[in-house]
């Protein structure tokens, strides 16, 4: 610890990466601080991203369950279309509660919270500007964990009413009757499926042939099938030339596609990726340079080209998950402070909170095929499992990929209720080097969705025996 600086580690951003890094430093007996420009700690993850969107999703699921299962309607007064207030009622409360949990954790660990916009004035010095004034602080090591912001729509500014980005959803005052979602990435697909589930007429526009190309193709096919049943229209291989707002009343969005097609809609959600929120950081003053997407480059230790400055979380790009960002922040703090730190586990879970839910860990079929690695597939469908029948989810599916020669588990791919929770059984088996024989021997609680692992393993074993 050097008395030359105000802090041993200064984290710019209080999202998962910044939180975990600061707590790690504090637990090691170092002076740690976090700079946060938002009114709440937790970064975009808590303010406009992960937590609000998943809370919104739960409200959508609750409404859809009542609407789609008449036997449950006697327990609640139900209208065909919920209002935005009804769907977003819980978001503010959950954000406030989670903010309190995070602030309590930081204070219990003696992490200093500095409110305001950070901006580098030198390699070791950051200026913090807030309504209370401007101050400068210094740190021996600095972690940039400022996260990302939505990319800007072409030709128009988002207004939170007709032209939206994902940051605007939690502040909606009115539910549109129709919506165009531009971008079939994770965020676009999640929100497209949520709005479709409450009766919004949704059209998804994307340049690619199919959405979510990194996922197992069979899982994506099932997702598209289920979303089309909710009357979602997909327009692949279509780019957006520009978006215009047509003054009403009522106001509408006019989406002009590069093919010449035009779509008029109540609202357009622009979700063509996110860019690093480094624009106000003046990273050049620290000797850094962001790329065209506002992201910073790091090595395997999350160190930038300036040796004492590190970066972690969404600002460094893939995989841009809250869970991986948290671990990246911890590891970056360890490397900055000279603490032992093994590399992050190779197999991390990916969760997509669409309706239906999707989760995966390990390799999909197309990657194994490209590597010419022999494998066998085992599949279990929720309709074969008692718990699936109880939940009323007959469309869910769990897919396991095993090595043909060593029978090791190579990949787990799930679509359906509880996919992101169910996945962790397979993740553990992959992490411990287990495989088919483990599932064949293991007894699972009945009735549970975990039985899918046994059924899928038996399916694969029968194929291998043949």
Protein backbone atom coordinates (compact mmCIF):
# COMPACT_ATOMS: atom_id res chain seq x y z
CA UNK A 1 0.00 0.00 0.00
CA UNK A 2 1.40 3.35 -1.05
CA UNK A 3 0.65 6.54 0.90
CA UNK A 4 1.36 8.40 -2.34
CA UNK A 5 -2.20 7.69 -3.55
CA UNK A 6 -5.65 8.17 -2.04
CA UNK A 7 -6.63 4.55 -2.82
CA UNK A 8 -4.96 1.29 -3.69
CA UNK A 9 -7.73 0.40 -6.16
CA UNK A 10 -10.25 2.77 -7.71
CA UNK A 11 -13.11 1.17 -9.66
CA UNK A 12 -14.93 3.29 -12.23
CA UNK A 13 -18.45 1.84 -12.26
CA UNK A 14 -20.42 -0.04 -9.60
CA UNK A 15 -21.86 -2.80 -11.77
CA UNK A 16 -20.99 -6.47 -11.15
CA UNK A 17 -17.32 -6.03 -12.18
CA UNK A 18 -16.72 -2.92 -10.10
CA UNK A 19 -18.55 -4.25 -7.05
CA UNK A 20 -16.68 -7.54 -6.97
CA UNK A 21 -13.30 -5.92 -7.59
CA UNK A 22 -13.74 -3.36 -4.83
CA UNK A 23 -14.90 -5.95 -2.30
CA UNK A 24 -12.00 -8.25 -3.23
CA UNK A 25 -9.53 -5.41 -2.67
CA UNK A 26 -11.15 -4.45 0.64
CA UNK A 27 -11.09 -8.05 1.89
CA UNK A 28 -7.36 -8.09 1.13
CA UNK A 29 -6.91 -5.11 3.45
CA UNK A 30 -6.49 -2.53 0.68
CA UNK A 31 -8.09 0.91 0.35
CA UNK A 32 -10.83 0.53 -2.26
CA UNK A 33 -13.28 2.99 -3.79
CA UNK A 34 -16.01 2.98 -6.42
CA UNK A 35 -17.05 5.91 -8.60
CA UNK A 36 -20.68 5.79 -9.75
CA UNK A 37 -22.36 8.43 -11.91
CA UNK A 38 -25.90 7.04 -11.49
CA UNK A 39 -28.24 7.75 -8.61
CA UNK A 40 -28.11 4.08 -7.61
CA UNK A 41 -25.16 1.77 -7.23
CA UNK A 42 -25.25 -1.41 -9.28
CA UNK A 43 -24.56 0.13 -12.69
CA UNK A 44 -26.69 -0.47 -15.78
CA UNK A 45 -27.21 -4.05 -14.56
CA UNK A 46 -29.40 -2.77 -11.73
CA UNK A 47 -30.66 0.53 -13.12
CA UNK A 48 -31.80 -0.29 -16.66
CA UNK A 49 -30.53 -3.76 -17.62
CA UNK A 50 -30.54 -7.20 -16.07
CA UNK A 51 -32.59 -6.67 -12.92
CA UNK A 52 -35.36 -4.46 -14.40
CA UNK A 53 -35.72 -6.64 -17.50
CA UNK A 54 -35.96 -9.88 -15.52
CA UNK A 55 -38.44 -8.33 -13.09
CA UNK A 56 -40.50 -7.15 -16.08
CA UNK A 57 -40.32 -10.68 -17.49
CA UNK A 58 -41.70 -12.18 -14.28
CA UNK A 59 -44.69 -9.83 -14.45
CA UNK A 60 -45.27 -10.84 -18.08
CA UNK A 61 -45.10 -14.54 -17.16
CA UNK A 62 -47.57 -14.08 -14.33
CA UNK A 63 -50.03 -12.34 -16.64
CA UNK A 64 -49.58 -14.91 -19.41
CA UNK A 65 -50.11 -17.77 -16.95
CA UNK A 66 -53.45 -16.33 -15.86
CA UNK A 67 -54.56 -15.61 -19.41
CA UNK A 68 -53.51 -18.96 -20.88
CA UNK A 69 -54.81 -21.14 -18.02
CA UNK A 70 -58.53 -20.44 -17.47
CA UNK A 71 -58.61 -22.53 -14.30
CA UNK A 72 -56.39 -19.93 -12.60
CA UNK A 73 -58.47 -16.88 -13.49
CA UNK A 74 -60.74 -17.19 -10.47
CA UNK A 75 -57.78 -16.18 -8.31
CA UNK A 76 -57.25 -12.81 -10.02
CA UNK A 77 -59.08 -10.09 -11.86
CA UNK A 78 -57.77 -10.20 -15.43
CA UNK A 79 -57.93 -7.87 -18.37
CA UNK A 80 -56.88 -8.99 -21.84
CA UNK A 81 -54.03 -6.51 -22.01
CA UNK A 82 -52.19 -5.33 -18.92
CA UNK A 83 -51.09 -1.71 -18.58
CA UNK A 84 -47.44 -0.65 -18.49
CA UNK A 85 -47.91 0.33 -14.83
CA UNK A 86 -49.16 -3.16 -13.96
CA UNK A 87 -46.18 -4.81 -15.61
CA UNK A 88 -43.61 -2.39 -14.22
CA UNK A 89 -45.07 -2.07 -10.72
CA UNK A 90 -42.47 -4.34 -9.13
CA UNK A 91 -39.44 -3.01 -11.01
CA UNK A 92 -38.90 0.09 -8.89
CA UNK A 93 -39.26 -1.82 -5.64
CA UNK A 94 -36.86 -4.59 -6.68
CA UNK A 95 -34.28 -2.04 -7.87
CA UNK A 96 -34.49 -0.13 -4.57
CA UNK A 97 -34.19 -3.30 -2.50
CA UNK A 98 -31.25 -4.63 -4.49
CA UNK A 99 -29.55 -1.23 -4.38
CA UNK A 100 -29.82 -1.34 -0.59
CA UNK A 101 -28.26 -4.80 -0.51
CA UNK A 102 -25.31 -3.68 -2.66
CA UNK A 103 -24.71 -0.46 -0.72
CA UNK A 104 -24.81 -2.40 2.55
CA UNK A 105 -22.28 -4.91 1.22
CA UNK A 106 -19.92 -2.16 0.07
CA UNK A 107 -20.14 -0.26 3.35
CA UNK A 108 -19.68 -3.41 5.46
CA UNK A 109 -16.44 -3.98 3.58
CA UNK A 110 -15.32 -0.34 4.01
CA UNK A 111 -15.48 0.43 0.30
CA UNK A 112 -15.73 4.17 -0.32
CA UNK A 113 -18.55 5.21 -2.70
CA UNK A 114 -17.84 8.37 -4.70
CA UNK A 115 -20.84 9.85 -6.55
CA UNK A 116 -20.37 11.61 -9.88
CA UNK A 117 -19.00 11.35 -13.41
CA UNK A 118 -15.43 10.10 -13.57
CA UNK A 119 -12.91 11.47 -16.05
CA UNK A 120 -9.18 10.76 -16.28
CA UNK A 121 -6.86 13.73 -15.83
CA UNK A 122 -3.75 11.56 -15.74
CA UNK A 123 -2.66 7.92 -15.57
CA UNK A 124 -3.24 7.71 -11.80
CA UNK A 125 -5.72 10.56 -11.29
CA UNK A 126 -9.47 10.80 -11.89
CA UNK A 127 -11.69 13.86 -11.63
CA UNK A 128 -15.19 13.30 -10.24
CA UNK A 129 -17.84 15.84 -11.21
CA UNK A 130 -21.21 15.95 -9.43
CA UNK A 131 -23.84 18.59 -8.50
CA UNK A 132 -21.76 19.16 -5.35
CA UNK A 133 -18.70 20.19 -7.32
CA UNK A 134 -15.50 18.67 -8.68
CA UNK A 135 -12.78 16.77 -6.88
CA UNK A 136 -9.75 14.74 -7.89
CA UNK A 137 -8.69 11.39 -6.44
CA UNK A 138 -5.67 9.23 -7.15
CA UNK A 139 -5.13 5.48 -7.07
CA UNK A 140 -2.20 3.14 -7.46
CA UNK A 141 -4.34 0.88 -9.67
CA UNK A 142 -7.53 1.71 -11.54
CA UNK A 143 -10.22 -0.63 -12.89
CA UNK A 144 -12.43 0.65 -15.71
CA UNK A 145 -15.76 -1.13 -15.28
CA UNK A 146 -18.07 1.51 -16.74
CA UNK A 147 -20.19 -0.94 -18.74
CA UNK A 148 -22.01 -0.09 -21.94
CA UNK A 149 -24.91 1.93 -23.33
CA UNK A 150 -27.31 1.11 -26.17
CA UNK A 151 -26.18 1.93 -29.70
CA UNK A 152 -27.99 4.95 -31.18
CA UNK A 153 -30.90 4.45 -33.62
CA UNK A 154 -30.20 5.68 -37.18
CA UNK A 155 -31.57 9.09 -38.11
CA UNK A 156 -33.50 9.73 -34.90
CA UNK A 157 -33.03 10.10 -31.16
CA UNK A 158 -34.75 7.74 -28.75
CA UNK A 159 -37.59 9.49 -26.92
CA UNK A 160 -38.68 6.78 -24.50
CA UNK A 161 -42.15 6.65 -26.05
CA UNK A 162 -42.08 5.85 -29.78
CA UNK A 163 -38.37 5.26 -30.41
CA UNK A 164 -36.94 3.11 -27.64
CA UNK A 165 -33.69 1.52 -26.55
CA UNK A 166 -33.51 -1.20 -23.93
CA UNK A 167 -32.73 1.48 -21.31
CA UNK A 168 -36.20 2.96 -21.86
CA UNK A 169 -38.32 -0.14 -21.22
CA UNK A 170 -38.43 0.19 -17.43
CA UNK A 171 -39.79 3.75 -17.82
CA UNK A 172 -42.62 3.02 -20.26
CA UNK A 173 -45.88 4.77 -19.43
CA UNK A 174 -48.00 3.05 -22.08
CA UNK A 175 -47.94 -0.42 -23.61
CA UNK A 176 -47.88 -0.18 -27.44
CA UNK A 177 -50.23 -2.25 -29.57
CA UNK A 178 -47.51 -2.90 -32.14
CA UNK A 179 -43.72 -2.88 -31.98
CA UNK A 180 -40.80 -3.38 -34.37
CA UNK A 181 -37.70 -4.80 -32.70
CA UNK A 182 -34.55 -3.98 -34.67
CA UNK A 183 -31.91 -6.56 -33.85
CA UNK A 184 -32.31 -10.26 -33.09
CA UNK A 185 -29.55 -10.49 -30.52
CA UNK A 186 -30.08 -11.48 -26.91
CA UNK A 187 -31.72 -8.22 -25.79
CA UNK A 188 -33.90 -7.91 -28.89
CA UNK A 189 -35.16 -11.51 -28.68
CA UNK A 190 -35.80 -11.27 -24.94
CA UNK A 191 -37.96 -8.16 -25.24
CA UNK A 192 -39.65 -9.31 -28.47
CA UNK A 193 -40.83 -12.47 -26.72
CA UNK A 194 -41.95 -10.58 -23.61
CA UNK A 195 -44.05 -8.03 -25.48
CA UNK A 196 -45.54 -10.74 -27.71
CA UNK A 197 -46.58 -12.67 -24.59
CA UNK A 198 -48.83 -9.76 -23.50
CA UNK A 199 -50.50 -9.36 -26.88
CA UNK A 200 -48.28 -6.77 -28.56
CA UNK A 201 -47.96 -7.33 -32.33
CA UNK A 202 -44.19 -7.77 -32.72
CA UNK A 203 -42.00 -7.74 -35.85
CA UNK A 204 -38.30 -8.61 -35.53
CA UNK A 205 -35.92 -7.18 -38.14
CA UNK A 206 -32.32 -8.38 -38.44
CA UNK A 207 -29.61 -8.55 -41.12
CA UNK A 208 -28.71 -12.12 -40.27
CA UNK A 209 -30.30 -15.30 -41.58
CA UNK A 210 -31.22 -16.47 -38.08
CA UNK A 211 -31.11 -15.04 -34.56
CA UNK A 212 -28.70 -16.05 -31.80
CA UNK A 213 -26.26 -17.82 -34.12
CA UNK A 214 -24.00 -18.90 -31.24
CA UNK A 215 -26.74 -21.15 -29.82
CA UNK A 216 -27.49 -24.72 -30.80
CA UNK A 217 -29.53 -24.53 -34.00
CA UNK A 218 -32.19 -26.98 -32.83
CA UNK A 219 -32.81 -24.84 -29.76
CA UNK A 220 -33.11 -21.69 -31.89
CA UNK A 221 -35.54 -23.44 -34.24
CA UNK A 222 -37.76 -24.30 -31.27
CA UNK A 223 -37.54 -20.72 -29.99
CA UNK A 224 -38.61 -19.30 -33.36
CA UNK A 225 -41.44 -21.83 -33.56
CA UNK A 226 -42.78 -20.83 -30.14
CA UNK A 227 -42.44 -17.11 -30.83
CA UNK A 228 -44.28 -17.46 -34.14
CA UNK A 229 -47.10 -19.13 -32.24
CA UNK A 230 -47.30 -15.84 -30.31
CA UNK A 231 -47.67 -14.10 -33.70
CA UNK A 232 -44.13 -12.70 -33.84
CA UNK A 233 -43.10 -11.91 -37.43
CA UNK A 234 -39.44 -12.41 -38.36
CA UNK A 235 -37.86 -10.43 -41.20
CA UNK A 236 -34.35 -11.87 -41.65
CA UNK A 237 -31.73 -10.47 -44.06
CA UNK A 238 -33.24 -6.99 -43.69
CA UNK A 239 -31.31 -3.88 -42.64
CA UNK A 240 -32.77 -0.61 -41.37
CA UNK A 241 -31.95 2.45 -43.45
CA UNK A 242 -33.50 4.95 -41.06
CA UNK A 243 -36.28 5.51 -38.57
CA UNK A 244 -38.65 8.47 -38.62
CA UNK A 245 -41.29 9.63 -36.16
CA UNK A 246 -44.63 10.52 -37.73
CA UNK A 247 -46.46 13.13 -35.69
CA UNK A 248 -50.01 12.13 -34.93
CA UNK A 249 -52.11 11.99 -33.11
CA UNK A 250 -51.18 9.34 -32.31
CA UNK A 251 -47.43 9.50 -32.91
CA UNK A 252 -46.04 6.53 -34.84
CA UNK A 253 -42.65 5.23 -35.92
CA UNK A 254 -41.88 4.67 -39.59
CA UNK A 255 -39.15 2.07 -40.09
CA UNK A 256 -37.61 2.22 -43.56
CA UNK A 257 -35.73 -0.93 -44.56
CA UNK A 258 -32.83 -1.06 -46.98
CA UNK A 259 -34.93 -3.28 -49.25
CA UNK A 260 -37.42 -0.45 -49.72
CA UNK A 261 -40.07 -1.89 -47.39
CA UNK A 262 -41.69 0.37 -44.83
CA UNK A 263 -43.25 -0.63 -41.52
CA UNK A 264 -45.49 1.68 -39.50
CA UNK A 265 -45.66 0.82 -35.83
CA UNK A 266 -46.62 2.28 -32.45
CA UNK A 267 -43.08 1.81 -31.15
CA UNK A 268 -39.69 0.67 -32.37
CA UNK A 269 -37.13 -0.91 -30.05
CA UNK A 270 -33.63 -0.43 -31.40
CA UNK A 271 -31.32 -3.15 -30.05
CA UNK A 272 -28.37 -3.42 -32.43
CA UNK A 273 -25.79 -4.08 -29.75
CA UNK A 274 -24.27 -1.83 -27.13
CA UNK A 275 -21.19 0.39 -27.07
CA UNK A 276 -18.69 0.92 -24.27
CA UNK A 277 -19.62 3.84 -22.00
CA UNK A 278 -16.12 5.32 -22.25
CA UNK A 279 -17.11 8.50 -24.10
CA UNK A 280 -16.99 10.73 -21.00
CA UNK A 281 -13.96 9.10 -19.36
CA UNK A 282 -11.28 10.97 -21.33
CA UNK A 283 -9.28 7.74 -21.52
CA UNK A 284 -6.68 9.43 -23.72
CA UNK A 285 -5.46 11.37 -20.66
CA UNK A 286 -4.52 8.02 -19.12
CA UNK A 287 -2.77 6.81 -22.27
CA UNK A 288 -5.62 4.58 -23.39
CA UNK A 289 -7.57 4.38 -26.62
CA UNK A 290 -11.05 2.87 -27.04
CA UNK A 291 -12.02 1.10 -30.25
CA UNK A 292 -14.84 2.15 -32.59
CA UNK A 293 -17.38 0.54 -30.25
CA UNK A 294 -16.03 2.32 -27.17
CA UNK A 295 -14.43 -0.84 -25.82
CA UNK A 296 -11.01 -1.31 -24.20
CA UNK A 297 -8.49 -4.02 -25.04
CA UNK A 298 -7.05 -6.16 -22.24
CA UNK A 299 -4.74 -9.14 -21.87
CA UNK A 300 -5.51 -12.43 -20.11
CA UNK A 301 -5.10 -10.67 -16.75
CA UNK A 302 -7.55 -7.87 -17.72
CA UNK A 303 -4.64 -5.43 -17.91
CA UNK A 304 -4.84 -2.64 -20.49
CA UNK A 305 -1.77 -1.36 -22.39
CA UNK A 306 -1.22 0.97 -19.39
CA UNK A 307 0.12 -1.56 -16.83
CA UNK A 308 -1.63 -0.23 -13.71
CA UNK A 309 -5.02 0.26 -15.41
CA UNK A 310 -7.32 -2.72 -15.79
CA UNK A 311 -10.73 -3.18 -17.41
CA UNK A 312 -13.47 -5.76 -16.89
CA UNK A 313 -17.11 -6.40 -17.65
CA UNK A 314 -19.09 -5.35 -20.69
CA UNK A 315 -16.61 -2.60 -21.58
CA UNK A 316 -14.15 -5.27 -22.81
CA UNK A 317 -16.75 -7.10 -24.93
CA UNK A 318 -17.64 -10.80 -25.08
CA UNK A 319 -19.18 -12.50 -23.18
CA UNK A 320 -20.80 -9.41 -21.60
CA UNK A 321 -22.70 -11.34 -18.94
CA UNK A 322 -23.35 -10.11 -15.40
CA UNK A 323 -21.99 -13.37 -13.97
CA UNK A 324 -18.76 -13.35 -15.99
CA UNK A 325 -18.30 -9.61 -15.42
CA UNK A 326 -18.39 -10.19 -11.67
CA UNK A 327 -15.67 -12.83 -11.87
CA UNK A 328 -13.60 -10.73 -14.28
CA UNK A 329 -13.70 -7.86 -11.78
CA UNK A 330 -12.51 -10.10 -8.95
CA UNK A 331 -9.67 -11.53 -11.03
CA UNK A 332 -8.63 -8.08 -12.26
CA UNK A 333 -8.43 -6.86 -8.66
CA UNK A 334 -6.28 -9.86 -7.74
CA UNK A 335 -3.87 -9.19 -10.60
CA UNK A 336 -3.75 -5.48 -9.79
CA UNK A 337 -2.92 -6.16 -6.16
CA UNK A 338 -0.52 -9.06 -6.74
CA UNK A 339 -2.83 -11.68 -5.24
CA UNK A 340 -2.93 -15.28 -6.56
CA UNK A 341 -5.66 -15.75 -9.15
CA UNK A 342 -6.31 -18.83 -11.28
CA UNK A 343 -7.94 -18.15 -14.67
CA UNK A 344 -11.70 -18.02 -15.00
CA UNK A 345 -13.35 -21.39 -15.62
CA UNK A 346 -13.50 -22.25 -19.30
CA UNK A 347 -17.13 -23.38 -19.20
CA UNK A 348 -19.47 -20.62 -18.06
CA UNK A 349 -23.27 -20.67 -18.36
CA UNK A 350 -25.18 -18.50 -20.82
CA UNK A 351 -28.77 -17.61 -19.96
CA UNK A 352 -31.24 -15.98 -22.33
CA UNK A 353 -34.35 -14.81 -20.51
CA UNK A 354 -36.69 -14.96 -23.45
CA UNK A 355 -40.13 -16.60 -23.27
CA UNK A 356 -39.35 -19.51 -23.40
CA UNK A 357 -36.13 -19.39 -21.39
CA UNK A 358 -32.88 -20.72 -22.90
CA UNK A 359 -29.59 -21.71 -21.33
CA UNK A 360 -26.42 -23.44 -22.49
CA UNK A 361 -22.97 -24.45 -21.35
CA UNK A 362 -20.25 -26.17 -23.33
CA UNK A 363 -20.24 -26.72 -27.08
CA UNK A 364 -23.17 -26.66 -29.51
CA UNK A 365 -23.45 -29.26 -32.27
CA UNK A 366 -22.17 -27.02 -35.06
CA UNK A 367 -18.86 -26.38 -33.27
CA UNK A 368 -18.30 -30.07 -32.59
CA UNK A 369 -19.05 -30.78 -36.24
CA UNK A 370 -16.59 -28.11 -37.39
CA UNK A 371 -13.89 -29.66 -35.18
CA UNK A 372 -14.79 -33.12 -36.49
CA UNK A 373 -15.20 -34.30 -32.90
CA UNK A 374 -17.43 -37.42 -32.76
CA UNK A 375 -20.39 -37.05 -30.40
CA UNK A 376 -23.79 -38.47 -29.59
CA UNK A 377 -26.98 -36.61 -28.71
CA UNK A 378 -29.42 -37.36 -25.91
CA UNK A 379 -32.73 -35.51 -25.78
CA UNK A 380 -35.47 -35.29 -23.15
CA UNK A 381 -38.68 -33.36 -23.72
CA UNK A 382 -40.60 -31.78 -20.89
CA UNK A 383 -43.80 -33.48 -22.00
CA UNK A 384 -42.13 -36.83 -21.11
CA UNK A 385 -41.47 -35.63 -17.55
CA UNK A 386 -44.14 -35.48 -14.86
CA UNK A 387 -42.92 -32.11 -13.69
CA UNK A 388 -43.26 -30.72 -17.21
CA UNK A 389 -46.89 -31.84 -17.26
CA UNK A 390 -47.50 -30.26 -13.84
CA UNK A 391 -46.01 -26.97 -15.02
CA UNK A 392 -47.99 -27.05 -18.24
CA UNK A 393 -44.84 -26.81 -20.35
CA UNK A 394 -44.97 -29.54 -22.98
CA UNK A 395 -42.62 -27.74 -25.37
CA UNK A 396 -39.48 -27.62 -23.22
CA UNK A 397 -36.43 -29.67 -24.17
CA UNK A 398 -33.06 -30.63 -22.69
CA UNK A 399 -30.29 -31.71 -25.03
CA UNK A 400 -27.02 -33.32 -23.96
CA UNK A 401 -23.95 -33.87 -26.14
CA UNK A 402 -21.54 -36.67 -25.19
CA UNK A 403 -18.18 -37.68 -26.65
CA UNK A 404 -18.60 -40.96 -28.51
CA UNK A 405 -15.26 -42.33 -27.37
CA UNK A 406 -14.88 -41.17 -23.76
CA UNK A 407 -18.61 -40.52 -23.00
CA UNK A 408 -17.73 -37.15 -21.43
CA UNK A 409 -20.40 -34.47 -21.33
CA UNK A 410 -19.49 -31.85 -23.93
CA UNK A 411 -22.52 -29.57 -23.99
CA UNK A 412 -25.88 -28.88 -22.38
CA UNK A 413 -28.63 -26.99 -24.22
CA UNK A 414 -32.04 -26.28 -22.68
CA UNK A 415 -35.17 -24.43 -23.73
CA UNK A 416 -38.16 -24.21 -21.42
CA UNK A 417 -39.26 -23.41 -17.90
CA UNK A 418 -36.38 -23.08 -15.42
CA UNK A 419 -33.69 -23.57 -18.07
CA UNK A 420 -31.21 -21.21 -16.42
CA UNK A 421 -31.52 -23.02 -13.08
CA UNK A 422 -31.61 -26.54 -14.51
CA UNK A 423 -28.42 -25.92 -16.47
CA UNK A 424 -26.16 -25.82 -13.43
CA UNK A 425 -26.36 -29.58 -12.93
CA UNK A 426 -24.79 -30.09 -16.33
CA UNK A 427 -22.31 -27.28 -15.77
CA UNK A 428 -21.07 -29.02 -12.62
CA UNK A 429 -20.67 -32.35 -14.41
CA UNK A 430 -18.70 -30.70 -17.23
CA UNK A 431 -16.50 -28.86 -14.73
CA UNK A 432 -15.68 -32.10 -12.90
CA UNK A 433 -14.98 -34.02 -16.11
CA UNK A 434 -18.00 -36.31 -15.74
CA UNK A 435 -20.28 -37.71 -18.38
CA UNK A 436 -22.87 -40.24 -19.43
CA UNK A 437 -22.20 -42.82 -16.71
CA UNK A 438 -22.82 -40.28 -13.95
CA UNK A 439 -26.34 -39.58 -15.21
CA UNK A 440 -27.11 -43.26 -15.74
CA UNK A 441 -26.23 -44.03 -12.10
CA UNK A 442 -27.68 -40.94 -10.43
CA UNK A 443 -31.16 -40.78 -8.87
CA UNK A 444 -33.01 -37.47 -9.22
CA UNK A 445 -35.90 -36.22 -7.12
CA UNK A 446 -39.35 -37.03 -8.50
CA UNK A 447 -41.15 -35.13 -9.88
CA UNK A 448 -38.54 -32.59 -11.00
CA UNK A 449 -37.26 -31.18 -14.26
CA UNK A 450 -33.85 -32.57 -13.27
CA UNK A 451 -35.16 -35.98 -14.37
CA UNK A 452 -34.59 -34.71 -17.90
CA UNK A 453 -30.89 -35.47 -17.40
CA UNK A 454 -31.64 -39.14 -16.74
CA UNK A 455 -34.02 -39.41 -19.71
CA UNK A 456 -31.59 -37.65 -22.06
CA UNK A 457 -28.71 -39.82 -20.86
CA UNK A 458 -30.72 -43.00 -21.46
CA UNK A 459 -31.59 -41.72 -24.93
CA UNK A 460 -27.89 -41.18 -25.71
CA UNK A 461 -26.89 -44.54 -24.19
CA UNK A 462 -29.40 -46.37 -26.39
CA UNK A 463 -27.95 -44.69 -29.47
CA UNK A 464 -24.38 -45.54 -28.47
CA UNK A 465 -25.35 -49.16 -27.80
CA UNK A 466 -26.91 -49.41 -31.25
